[in-house]
Amino acid sequence: RFQYGNPDVLCSPLVEAKKNGTDLVEAFAHYVNDYYVGTFRASVASYDQNYLKNTTPAESSYRLWWYQVCSEVAYFQVAPKNDSVRSAKIDTRYHLDLCKNVFGEGVYPDVSMTNLYYGGTRIAGSKIVFANGSQDPWRHASKQKSSEELPSYLIECSNCGHCTDISGCPQAPSNIGGDSSKCSSPEAVNKVRKQIVDHIDLWLSECQDQGRDTVTKQGSRWSIATY
């Protein structure tokens, strides 16, 4: 799975390098430099703990994400034991030390309390739409089974990744209301977008109806009180 879709951008050069007997690490390094940093515009600073310590950074989303990881969800992306391009040193201890170094003593991901507060698999909320791209590994941390008050949709296409419903394809650099025509199945993206809009329209209309009912009832009480 590829968080931001476009698997061919990484896989094709690696397959070609394997066929030609060239260095796979060098091929991967070219991908990181040319695409991940160049085209994708990912910030290397987001992995720098000194940068993350800055409480007024130029780009605040990195620090905010890490604080949520370190204080609530503990989504530690550790290296697999075998066949990983990620260093084996990126383990649970690495992340716990990062949390302590960046945010100080006492900041620890209390996952049990987070699940208790938000309901865990029994989500303590309603009127929430969950939309995930089929290539996004994070979709497995989302709600998979749809229900009336908590609808869930999977956008299936070969380059549909993280936030495809919002950004279209490619998913980065972020582009709100992005171009779905560049997705391998624009129809799949547009269909889910329409379903999301339909849900929001319905819920807003229900809120307006409830508001009118409340005003009517209050008016009746005021009529009685002033009579």
C-alpha atoms as a PDB file:
ATOM      1  CA  ARG A   1       0.000   0.000   0.000  1.00  0.00           C
ATOM      2  CA  PHE A   2       1.077   3.572  -0.718  1.00  0.00           C
ATOM      3  CA  GLN A   3      -0.243   6.330   1.491  1.00  0.00           C
ATOM      4  CA  TYR A   4      -0.375   8.904  -1.279  1.00  0.00           C
ATOM      5  CA  GLY A   5      -1.010   6.558  -4.196  1.00  0.00           C
ATOM      6  CA  ASN A   6       1.115   6.422  -7.361  1.00  0.00           C
ATOM      7  CA  PRO A   7       2.822   3.061  -6.610  1.00  0.00           C
ATOM      8  CA  ASP A   8       4.395   2.909 -10.085  1.00  0.00           C
ATOM      9  CA  VAL A   9       6.543   5.939  -9.299  1.00  0.00           C
ATOM     10  CA  LEU A  10       8.413   3.869  -6.718  1.00  0.00           C
ATOM     11  CA  CYS A  11       7.917   0.290  -7.923  1.00  0.00           C
ATOM     12  CA  SER A  12       8.910   0.741 -11.569  1.00  0.00           C
ATOM     13  CA  PRO A  13      12.429   2.118 -10.858  1.00  0.00           C
ATOM     14  CA  LEU A  14      13.048  -0.569  -8.241  1.00  0.00           C
ATOM     15  CA  VAL A  15      11.919  -3.374 -10.562  1.00  0.00           C
ATOM     16  CA  GLU A  16      14.080  -1.928 -13.341  1.00  0.00           C
ATOM     17  CA  ALA A  17      17.069  -1.660 -11.005  1.00  0.00           C
ATOM     18  CA  LYS A  18      16.574  -5.274  -9.923  1.00  0.00           C
ATOM     19  CA  LYS A  19      16.480  -6.440 -13.550  1.00  0.00           C
ATOM     20  CA  ASN A  20      19.606  -4.458 -14.436  1.00  0.00           C
ATOM     21  CA  GLY A  21      21.490  -5.553 -11.342  1.00  0.00           C
ATOM     22  CA  THR A  22      21.977  -1.966 -10.197  1.00  0.00           C
ATOM     23  CA  ASP A  23      21.960  -0.775  -6.588  1.00  0.00           C
ATOM     24  CA  LEU A  24      18.431  -0.883  -5.127  1.00  0.00           C
ATOM     25  CA  VAL A  25      19.370   1.527  -2.338  1.00  0.00           C
ATOM     26  CA  GLU A  26      20.598   4.046  -4.905  1.00  0.00           C
ATOM     27  CA  ALA A  27      17.368   3.644  -6.892  1.00  0.00           C
ATOM     28  CA  PHE A  28      15.354   4.219  -3.742  1.00  0.00           C
ATOM     29  CA  ALA A  29      17.485   7.276  -2.882  1.00  0.00           C
ATOM     30  CA  HIS A  30      16.712   8.748  -6.313  1.00  0.00           C
ATOM     31  CA  TYR A  31      12.999   8.217  -5.670  1.00  0.00           C
ATOM     32  CA  VAL A  32      13.205   9.983  -2.298  1.00  0.00           C
ATOM     33  CA  ASN A  33      15.179  12.920  -3.686  1.00  0.00           C
ATOM     34  CA  ASP A  34      13.412  13.360  -7.025  1.00  0.00           C
ATOM     35  CA  TYR A  35       9.829  12.473  -6.164  1.00  0.00           C
ATOM     36  CA  TYR A  36       9.248  12.435  -2.405  1.00  0.00           C
ATOM     37  CA  VAL A  37      11.149  15.667  -1.777  1.00  0.00           C
ATOM     38  CA  GLY A  38      11.028  17.175  -5.278  1.00  0.00           C
ATOM     39  CA  THR A  39       7.597  16.501  -6.766  1.00  0.00           C
ATOM     40  CA  PHE A  40       5.793  15.499  -3.582  1.00  0.00           C
ATOM     41  CA  ARG A  41       7.423  18.402  -1.679  1.00  0.00           C
ATOM     42  CA  ALA A  42       7.731  16.468   1.567  1.00  0.00           C
ATOM     43  CA  SER A  43       9.669  18.256   4.280  1.00  0.00           C
ATOM     44  CA  VAL A  44      12.751  16.499   5.613  1.00  0.00           C
ATOM     45  CA  ALA A  45      12.533  18.859   8.601  1.00  0.00           C
ATOM     46  CA  SER A  46       9.420  17.023   9.774  1.00  0.00           C
ATOM     47  CA  TYR A  47      11.717  14.196  10.940  1.00  0.00           C
ATOM     48  CA  ASP A  48      14.120  16.544  12.743  1.00  0.00           C
ATOM     49  CA  GLN A  49      13.462  16.481  16.481  1.00  0.00           C
ATOM     50  CA  ASN A  50      15.037  19.893  17.010  1.00  0.00           C
ATOM     51  CA  TYR A  51      12.666  21.288  14.373  1.00  0.00           C
ATOM     52  CA  LEU A  52       9.703  19.605  16.068  1.00  0.00           C
ATOM     53  CA  LYS A  53      10.626  21.235  19.396  1.00  0.00           C
ATOM     54  CA  ASN A  54       9.926  24.664  17.913  1.00  0.00           C
ATOM     55  CA  THR A  55       6.506  25.777  19.181  1.00  0.00           C
ATOM     56  CA  THR A  56       6.132  28.359  16.390  1.00  0.00           C
ATOM     57  CA  PRO A  57       7.381  26.551  13.261  1.00  0.00           C
ATOM     58  CA  ALA A  58       6.730  27.735   9.720  1.00  0.00           C
ATOM     59  CA  GLU A  59       4.718  24.543   9.155  1.00  0.00           C
ATOM     60  CA  SER A  60       2.798  23.613  12.299  1.00  0.00           C
ATOM     61  CA  SER A  61       1.024  20.467  11.100  1.00  0.00           C
ATOM     62  CA  TYR A  62       4.090  18.253  11.686  1.00  0.00           C
ATOM     63  CA  ARG A  63       4.372  19.164  15.357  1.00  0.00           C
ATOM     64  CA  LEU A  64       0.594  18.894  15.814  1.00  0.00           C
ATOM     65  CA  TRP A  65       0.576  15.398  14.279  1.00  0.00           C
ATOM     66  CA  TRP A  66       3.444  14.228  16.454  1.00  0.00           C
ATOM     67  CA  TYR A  67       1.757  15.599  19.569  1.00  0.00           C
ATOM     68  CA  GLN A  68      -1.370  13.608  18.746  1.00  0.00           C
ATOM     69  CA  VAL A  69       0.774  10.523  18.193  1.00  0.00           C
ATOM     70  CA  CYS A  70       2.710  11.055  21.413  1.00  0.00           C
ATOM     71  CA  SER A  71      -0.258  11.922  23.632  1.00  0.00           C
ATOM     72  CA  GLU A  72      -3.183   9.919  22.245  1.00  0.00           C
ATOM     73  CA  VAL A  73      -2.931   7.362  19.446  1.00  0.00           C
ATOM     74  CA  ALA A  74       0.660   6.019  19.405  1.00  0.00           C
ATOM     75  CA  TYR A  75       0.622   5.318  15.696  1.00  0.00           C
ATOM     76  CA  PHE A  76       4.293   4.334  15.809  1.00  0.00           C
ATOM     77  CA  GLN A  77       5.440   3.326  12.323  1.00  0.00           C
ATOM     78  CA  VAL A  78       8.103   0.837  13.346  1.00  0.00           C
ATOM     79  CA  ALA A  79      10.274  -1.096  10.911  1.00  0.00           C
ATOM     80  CA  PRO A  80       9.137  -4.630   9.975  1.00  0.00           C
ATOM     81  CA  LYS A  81      11.488  -7.407  11.062  1.00  0.00           C
ATOM     82  CA  ASN A  82      12.213  -8.550   7.507  1.00  0.00           C
ATOM     83  CA  ASP A  83      12.670  -6.942   4.081  1.00  0.00           C
ATOM     84  CA  SER A  84      12.247  -3.357   5.216  1.00  0.00           C
ATOM     85  CA  VAL A  85      13.598  -0.173   3.661  1.00  0.00           C
ATOM     86  CA  ARG A  86      13.115   1.415   7.081  1.00  0.00           C
ATOM     87  CA  SER A  87      15.978   1.165   9.568  1.00  0.00           C
ATOM     88  CA  ALA A  88      15.566  -1.473  12.287  1.00  0.00           C
ATOM     89  CA  LYS A  89      16.455   1.297  14.741  1.00  0.00           C
ATOM     90  CA  ILE A  90      13.048   2.877  14.105  1.00  0.00           C
ATOM     91  CA  ASP A  91      11.356   0.812  16.799  1.00  0.00           C
ATOM     92  CA  THR A  92       8.960   1.501  19.672  1.00  0.00           C
ATOM     93  CA  ARG A  93      11.756   2.782  21.936  1.00  0.00           C
ATOM     94  CA  TYR A  94      12.831   5.249  19.239  1.00  0.00           C
ATOM     95  CA  HIS A  95       9.331   6.753  19.152  1.00  0.00           C
ATOM     96  CA  LEU A  96       8.956   6.904  22.922  1.00  0.00           C
ATOM     97  CA  ASP A  97      12.320   8.669  23.162  1.00  0.00           C
ATOM     98  CA  LEU A  98      11.215  11.073  20.412  1.00  0.00           C
ATOM     99  CA  CYS A  99       8.051  11.933  22.349  1.00  0.00           C
ATOM    100  CA  LYS A 100      10.032  12.582  25.516  1.00  0.00           C
ATOM    101  CA  ASN A 101      12.701  14.615  23.735  1.00  0.00           C
ATOM    102  CA  VAL A 102      10.264  16.796  21.751  1.00  0.00           C
ATOM    103  CA  PHE A 103       7.443  17.290  24.273  1.00  0.00           C
ATOM    104  CA  GLY A 104       9.082  16.561  27.624  1.00  0.00           C
ATOM    105  CA  GLU A 105       8.437  14.223  30.526  1.00  0.00           C
ATOM    106  CA  GLY A 106       4.887  13.098  31.107  1.00  0.00           C
ATOM    107  CA  VAL A 107       3.770  13.120  27.467  1.00  0.00           C
ATOM    108  CA  TYR A 108       2.884   9.520  26.751  1.00  0.00           C
ATOM    109  CA  PRO A 109       0.280   7.950  24.434  1.00  0.00           C
ATOM    110  CA  ASP A 110      -2.404   6.661  26.768  1.00  0.00           C
ATOM    111  CA  VAL A 111      -4.194   4.608  24.127  1.00  0.00           C
ATOM    112  CA  SER A 112      -6.638   3.030  26.588  1.00  0.00           C
ATOM    113  CA  MET A 113      -7.922   6.426  27.679  1.00  0.00           C
ATOM    114  CA  THR A 114      -8.115   7.596  24.059  1.00  0.00           C
ATOM    115  CA  ASN A 115     -10.235   4.585  23.126  1.00  0.00           C
ATOM    116  CA  LEU A 116     -12.394   5.078  26.196  1.00  0.00           C
ATOM    117  CA  TYR A 117     -12.968   8.769  25.411  1.00  0.00           C
ATOM    118  CA  TYR A 118     -13.712   8.331  21.696  1.00  0.00           C
ATOM    119  CA  GLY A 119     -15.439   4.975  22.015  1.00  0.00           C
ATOM    120  CA  GLY A 120     -12.807   2.781  20.376  1.00  0.00           C
ATOM    121  CA  THR A 121     -14.468   0.460  17.841  1.00  0.00           C
ATOM    122  CA  ARG A 122     -17.841   1.742  19.083  1.00  0.00           C
ATOM    123  CA  ILE A 123     -17.297   5.328  18.019  1.00  0.00           C
ATOM    124  CA  ALA A 124     -18.794   7.862  20.416  1.00  0.00           C
ATOM    125  CA  GLY A 125     -20.246  10.112  17.753  1.00  0.00           C
ATOM    126  CA  SER A 126     -22.686  10.338  14.873  1.00  0.00           C
ATOM    127  CA  LYS A 127     -23.100  12.035  11.520  1.00  0.00           C
ATOM    128  CA  ILE A 128     -19.472  11.411  10.553  1.00  0.00           C
ATOM    129  CA  VAL A 129     -18.406  10.294   7.071  1.00  0.00           C
ATOM    130  CA  PHE A 130     -15.345   8.057   6.726  1.00  0.00           C
ATOM    131  CA  ALA A 131     -13.814   8.064   3.229  1.00  0.00           C
ATOM    132  CA  ASN A 132     -10.618   6.192   2.395  1.00  0.00           C
ATOM    133  CA  GLY A 133      -8.550   5.534  -0.705  1.00  0.00           C
ATOM    134  CA  SER A 134      -7.944   1.862  -1.486  1.00  0.00           C
ATOM    135  CA  GLN A 135      -4.158   2.384  -1.634  1.00  0.00           C
ATOM    136  CA  ASP A 136      -3.988   4.182   1.724  1.00  0.00           C
ATOM    137  CA  PRO A 137      -2.588   1.923   4.482  1.00  0.00           C
ATOM    138  CA  TRP A 138      -4.223   4.224   7.039  1.00  0.00           C
ATOM    139  CA  ARG A 139      -7.656   3.029   5.929  1.00  0.00           C
ATOM    140  CA  HIS A 140      -7.220   0.038   8.235  1.00  0.00           C
ATOM    141  CA  ALA A 141      -7.242   2.458  11.172  1.00  0.00           C
ATOM    142  CA  SER A 142     -10.509   3.934   9.893  1.00  0.00           C
ATOM    143  CA  LYS A 143     -14.085   2.691  10.101  1.00  0.00           C
ATOM    144  CA  GLN A 144     -14.471  -0.114   7.565  1.00  0.00           C
ATOM    145  CA  LYS A 145     -18.128  -1.065   7.928  1.00  0.00           C
ATOM    146  CA  SER A 146     -20.691   1.548   6.929  1.00  0.00           C
ATOM    147  CA  SER A 147     -23.744   2.407   9.011  1.00  0.00           C
ATOM    148  CA  GLU A 148     -26.550   4.972   8.757  1.00  0.00           C
ATOM    149  CA  GLU A 149     -25.126   7.489  11.227  1.00  0.00           C
ATOM    150  CA  LEU A 150     -21.481   6.671  10.474  1.00  0.00           C
ATOM    151  CA  PRO A 151     -21.228   5.962   6.724  1.00  0.00           C
ATOM    152  CA  SER A 152     -17.949   4.608   5.405  1.00  0.00           C
ATOM    153  CA  TYR A 153     -16.769   4.597   1.783  1.00  0.00           C
ATOM    154  CA  LEU A 154     -13.769   3.044   0.060  1.00  0.00           C
ATOM    155  CA  ILE A 155     -12.570   4.805  -3.098  1.00  0.00           C
ATOM    156  CA  GLU A 156     -11.078   2.072  -5.235  1.00  0.00           C
ATOM    157  CA  CYS A 157      -8.456   2.922  -7.837  1.00  0.00           C
ATOM    158  CA  SER A 158      -4.765   2.173  -8.369  1.00  0.00           C
ATOM    159  CA  ASN A 159      -3.591   5.648  -7.271  1.00  0.00           C
ATOM    160  CA  CYS A 160      -6.276   6.517  -4.711  1.00  0.00           C
ATOM    161  CA  GLY A 161      -4.453   7.149  -1.460  1.00  0.00           C
ATOM    162  CA  HIS A 162      -4.675   9.400   1.575  1.00  0.00           C
ATOM    163  CA  CYS A 163      -7.376  12.122   1.312  1.00  0.00           C
ATOM    164  CA  THR A 164      -8.278  11.316  -2.285  1.00  0.00           C
ATOM    165  CA  ASP A 165     -11.849  12.446  -1.550  1.00  0.00           C
ATOM    166  CA  ILE A 166     -10.496  15.945  -0.850  1.00  0.00           C
ATOM    167  CA  SER A 167      -7.354  16.238  -2.934  1.00  0.00           C
ATOM    168  CA  GLY A 168      -8.034  14.039  -5.948  1.00  0.00           C
ATOM    169  CA  CYS A 169      -4.906  12.623  -7.607  1.00  0.00           C
ATOM    170  CA  PRO A 170      -2.099  12.969  -6.843  1.00  0.00           C
ATOM    171  CA  GLN A 171      -2.821  13.513  -3.149  1.00  0.00           C
ATOM    172  CA  ALA A 172       0.145  15.776  -2.619  1.00  0.00           C
ATOM    173  CA  PRO A 173       1.006  18.560  -2.755  1.00  0.00           C
ATOM    174  CA  SER A 174      -2.337  19.089  -1.058  1.00  0.00           C
ATOM    175  CA  ASN A 175      -4.970  20.640  -3.282  1.00  0.00           C
ATOM    176  CA  ILE A 176      -8.429  21.061  -1.752  1.00  0.00           C
ATOM    177  CA  GLY A 177     -11.060  20.023  -4.272  1.00  0.00           C
ATOM    178  CA  GLY A 178      -8.311  18.413  -6.347  1.00  0.00           C
ATOM    179  CA  ASP A 179      -8.603  17.040  -9.864  1.00  0.00           C
ATOM    180  CA  SER A 180     -10.261  13.625  -9.903  1.00  0.00           C
ATOM    181  CA  SER A 181      -9.566  13.233 -13.635  1.00  0.00           C
ATOM    182  CA  LYS A 182      -5.988  12.249 -12.794  1.00  0.00           C
ATOM    183  CA  CYS A 183      -7.186   9.306 -10.693  1.00  0.00           C
ATOM    184  CA  SER A 184      -7.231   5.930 -12.467  1.00  0.00           C
ATOM    185  CA  SER A 185     -10.995   5.828 -11.794  1.00  0.00           C
ATOM    186  CA  PRO A 186     -12.416   9.369 -11.664  1.00  0.00           C
ATOM    187  CA  GLU A 187     -15.907   7.886 -11.478  1.00  0.00           C
ATOM    188  CA  ALA A 188     -15.097   6.181  -8.177  1.00  0.00           C
ATOM    189  CA  VAL A 189     -13.856   9.453  -6.667  1.00  0.00           C
ATOM    190  CA  ASN A 190     -16.774  11.534  -7.917  1.00  0.00           C
ATOM    191  CA  LYS A 191     -19.303   8.971  -6.738  1.00  0.00           C
ATOM    192  CA  VAL A 192     -17.998   9.058  -3.157  1.00  0.00           C
ATOM    193  CA  ARG A 193     -17.758  12.854  -3.226  1.00  0.00           C
ATOM    194  CA  LYS A 194     -21.431  13.046  -4.191  1.00  0.00           C
ATOM    195  CA  GLN A 195     -22.354  10.594  -1.430  1.00  0.00           C
ATOM    196  CA  ILE A 196     -20.508  12.757   1.106  1.00  0.00           C
ATOM    197  CA  VAL A 197     -22.329  15.894  -0.081  1.00  0.00           C
ATOM    198  CA  ASP A 198     -25.667  14.070   0.066  1.00  0.00           C
ATOM    199  CA  HIS A 199     -25.034  13.028   3.664  1.00  0.00           C
ATOM    200  CA  ILE A 200     -24.060  16.553   4.718  1.00  0.00           C
ATOM    201  CA  ASP A 201     -27.093  18.056   2.950  1.00  0.00           C
ATOM    202  CA  LEU A 202     -29.372  15.591   4.731  1.00  0.00           C
ATOM    203  CA  TRP A 203     -27.856  16.208   8.150  1.00  0.00           C
ATOM    204  CA  LEU A 204     -27.972  19.984   7.745  1.00  0.00           C
ATOM    205  CA  SER A 205     -31.619  19.817   6.696  1.00  0.00           C
ATOM    206  CA  GLU A 206     -32.375  17.693   9.764  1.00  0.00           C
ATOM    207  CA  CYS A 207     -30.679  20.282  11.977  1.00  0.00           C
ATOM    208  CA  GLN A 208     -32.712  23.077  10.359  1.00  0.00           C
ATOM    209  CA  ASP A 209     -35.946  21.128  10.910  1.00  0.00           C
ATOM    210  CA  GLN A 210     -35.035  20.564  14.559  1.00  0.00           C
ATOM    211  CA  GLY A 211     -34.243  24.269  14.911  1.00  0.00           C
ATOM    212  CA  ARG A 212     -37.628  25.262  13.519  1.00  0.00           C
ATOM    213  CA  ASP A 213     -39.366  22.799  15.859  1.00  0.00           C
ATOM    214  CA  THR A 214     -37.505  24.284  18.821  1.00  0.00           C
ATOM    215  CA  VAL A 215     -38.434  27.850  17.871  1.00  0.00           C
ATOM    216  CA  THR A 216     -42.092  26.852  17.412  1.00  0.00           C
ATOM    217  CA  LYS A 217     -42.215  25.179  20.811  1.00  0.00           C
ATOM    218  CA  GLN A 218     -40.499  28.107  22.486  1.00  0.00           C
ATOM    219  CA  GLY A 219     -42.959  30.487  20.827  1.00  0.00           C
ATOM    220  CA  SER A 220     -45.880  28.473  22.184  1.00  0.00           C
ATOM    221  CA  ARG A 221     -44.450  28.626  25.685  1.00  0.00           C
ATOM    222  CA  TRP A 222     -43.877  32.358  25.382  1.00  0.00           C
ATOM    223  CA  SER A 223     -47.513  32.831  24.248  1.00  0.00           C
ATOM    224  CA  ILE A 224     -48.772  30.979  27.281  1.00  0.00           C
ATOM    225  CA  ALA A 225     -46.409  32.784  29.630  1.00  0.00           C
ATOM    226  CA  THR A 226     -47.350  36.242  28.382  1.00  0.00           C
ATOM    227  CA  TYR A 227     -51.070  35.529  28.316  1.00  0.00           C
END
